[in-house]
Protein backbone atom coordinates (compact mmCIF):
# COMPACT_ATOMS: atom_id res chain seq x y z
CA MET A 1 95.93 109.12 90.25
CA LYS A 2 96.53 106.20 92.62
CA THR A 3 98.99 107.62 95.18
CA LEU A 4 100.93 106.15 98.09
CA ILE A 5 102.13 108.29 100.99
CA LEU A 6 104.87 106.22 102.62
CA GLY A 7 106.53 107.20 105.88
CA LEU A 8 109.80 105.40 106.70
CA GLY A 9 111.53 105.07 110.04
CA ASN A 10 112.01 103.37 113.34
CA PRO A 11 109.39 104.34 115.94
CA ILE A 12 111.76 103.99 118.90
CA LEU A 13 114.84 105.84 117.60
CA SER A 14 114.07 109.51 118.26
CA ASP A 15 114.13 111.56 115.02
CA ASP A 16 114.33 108.42 112.88
CA SER A 17 110.56 108.15 113.46
CA VAL A 18 109.78 111.45 111.72
CA GLY A 19 108.71 109.83 108.44
CA LEU A 20 106.24 107.64 110.29
CA ARG A 21 104.85 110.63 112.19
CA VAL A 22 104.39 112.74 109.06
CA ALA A 23 102.65 109.91 107.18
CA ARG A 24 100.32 109.36 110.14
CA ALA A 25 99.46 113.07 110.29
CA VAL A 26 98.87 113.25 106.53
CA LYS A 27 96.59 110.21 106.76
CA GLY A 28 94.51 111.99 109.37
CA LYS A 29 93.91 114.90 106.97
CA LEU A 30 93.02 112.88 103.88
CA ASN A 31 89.73 111.49 102.78
CA GLN A 32 90.41 110.49 99.19
CA PRO A 33 89.93 106.89 98.06
CA ASP A 34 92.80 107.07 95.54
CA ILE A 35 95.38 108.05 98.20
CA THR A 36 96.80 105.52 100.66
CA ALA A 37 98.99 106.55 103.62
CA MET A 38 101.22 103.91 105.13
CA GLU A 39 104.07 103.61 107.66
CA THR A 40 106.94 101.13 107.47
CA SER A 41 110.34 100.28 108.90
CA LEU A 42 111.32 98.46 105.70
CA ALA A 43 114.11 99.58 103.36
CA GLY A 44 115.75 98.74 100.03
CA LEU A 45 114.26 95.89 98.01
CA SER A 46 111.51 95.37 100.58
CA LEU A 47 109.97 98.71 99.58
CA LEU A 48 109.24 97.48 96.06
CA ASP A 49 106.29 95.38 97.24
CA LEU A 50 104.76 98.44 98.90
CA LEU A 51 105.29 100.71 95.89
CA ALA A 52 104.04 98.28 93.24
CA GLY A 53 100.68 99.19 91.74
CA TYR A 54 100.79 102.92 92.52
CA GLU A 55 101.13 105.65 89.88
CA ARG A 56 102.68 108.11 92.31
CA ALA A 57 104.52 107.83 95.62
CA ILE A 58 105.43 110.40 98.22
CA ILE A 59 108.07 109.06 100.57
CA ILE A 60 108.99 110.69 103.88
CA ASP A 61 112.12 109.87 105.85
CA ALA A 62 114.74 111.29 108.18
CA ILE A 63 118.05 112.42 106.70
CA GLN A 64 121.39 113.47 108.13
CA THR A 65 123.64 115.66 106.00
CA LYS A 66 126.96 117.32 106.77
CA GLU A 67 125.68 120.90 106.70
CA GLY A 68 122.02 120.39 107.55
CA LYS A 69 120.15 122.00 110.41
CA ALA A 70 117.77 119.89 112.49
CA GLY A 71 114.21 120.27 111.25
CA GLN A 72 115.19 121.43 107.76
CA ILE A 73 112.89 119.91 105.11
CA TYR A 74 114.23 118.80 101.74
CA GLN A 75 112.46 117.71 98.57
CA LEU A 76 114.63 115.15 96.79
CA GLU A 77 114.72 112.98 93.69
CA PRO A 78 114.91 109.18 94.15
CA GLU A 79 118.59 109.21 93.11
CA ALA A 80 119.42 111.39 96.12
CA PHE A 81 117.74 108.98 98.53
CA ASP A 82 120.97 107.08 99.19
CA ALA A 83 121.88 109.88 101.62
CA THR A 84 119.19 108.84 104.09
CA ARG A 85 119.49 106.45 106.96
CA HIS A 86 117.22 103.83 105.35
CA ALA A 87 118.59 103.98 101.85
CA SER A 88 121.32 101.41 102.21
CA THR A 89 122.18 98.67 104.65
CA PRO A 90 124.98 96.10 104.63
CA HIS A 91 122.39 93.46 103.67
CA ASP A 92 120.39 95.37 101.07
CA VAL A 93 120.67 97.90 98.24
CA ASN A 94 119.99 101.63 98.25
CA PHE A 95 116.64 103.01 97.15
CA ALA A 96 117.74 104.15 93.68
CA THR A 97 119.20 100.71 92.94
CA ALA A 98 116.05 98.97 94.21
CA LEU A 99 113.91 101.15 91.91
CA GLU A 100 116.09 100.40 88.92
CA LEU A 101 115.96 96.68 89.63
CA GLY A 102 112.18 96.79 90.07
CA ARG A 103 111.76 98.59 86.75
CA ARG A 104 114.03 96.13 84.96
CA LEU A 105 111.98 93.29 86.41
CA GLY A 106 108.86 94.89 84.98
CA LEU A 107 107.17 95.79 88.27
CA ALA A 108 104.40 98.38 88.05
CA LEU A 109 106.24 101.05 90.05
CA PRO A 110 105.20 104.68 90.38
CA ARG A 111 106.17 106.92 87.48
CA GLN A 112 106.38 109.88 89.85
CA ILE A 113 108.21 109.66 93.17
CA ASP A 114 108.54 112.67 95.46
CA ILE A 115 110.72 112.43 98.55
CA PHE A 116 110.43 114.63 101.61
CA ALA A 117 113.34 114.31 104.02
CA ILE A 118 113.61 116.03 107.37
CA GLU A 119 117.05 116.73 108.79
CA ALA A 120 117.42 114.69 111.98
CA ALA A 121 119.43 115.66 115.02
CA ASP A 122 119.35 112.27 116.75
CA THR A 123 118.67 108.87 115.16
CA SER A 124 120.31 106.66 117.75
CA THR A 125 118.70 107.44 121.11
CA PHE A 126 116.03 104.97 122.17
CA THR A 127 112.99 107.17 122.70
CA GLU A 128 109.58 107.60 121.13
CA GLU A 129 110.01 111.39 121.05
CA CYS A 130 111.56 113.51 118.33
CA THR A 131 113.95 116.31 119.20
CA PRO A 132 112.30 119.77 119.43
CA LYS A 133 113.35 121.15 115.99
CA VAL A 134 112.33 117.95 114.21
CA LYS A 135 109.01 117.90 116.07
CA GLU A 136 108.37 121.49 114.90
CA ALA A 137 109.03 120.45 111.29
CA ILE A 138 106.34 117.75 111.25
CA PRO A 139 103.28 120.02 110.69
CA LEU A 140 105.22 122.04 108.09
CA CYS A 141 106.09 118.88 106.15
CA VAL A 142 102.48 117.69 106.41
CA GLU A 143 101.28 120.95 104.84
CA MET A 144 103.92 120.70 102.09
CA ILE A 145 102.66 117.22 101.23
CA ILE A 146 99.01 118.25 101.30
CA ASN A 147 99.86 121.13 98.94
CA GLU A 148 101.79 118.73 96.69
CA LEU A 149 98.69 116.53 96.44
CA ARG A 150 96.49 119.42 95.28
């Protein structure tokens, strides 16, 4: 099954980079021609171009919830993705809306989309380092994704 591992985030905004870091680590552990690992800072409609042509996608991003604890890992459905930092911007649409639009336009989008979100403590400090709890969650999330691929 042609699969895309897609890490989202901003590499210079502390925990917001966690999706990028997980995707990079997963890529280092894979050696399967039908699995592509990629990192991007894109969001909304711009993600459709990246997703098109894959049967399955695993998306990794930072999330901030009211009751969450830094480093907590969630598995979400695409409809829940609007809770993440990248899901909606004033100039774009949220992820669920982008998927619906892409499907209505007839794009060959993945039938199966799995989302791994890691609770972020800090997504606004300019640094290339994640906070300690988020950094600890990265190898755990990588293993969860590897197991999901099996």
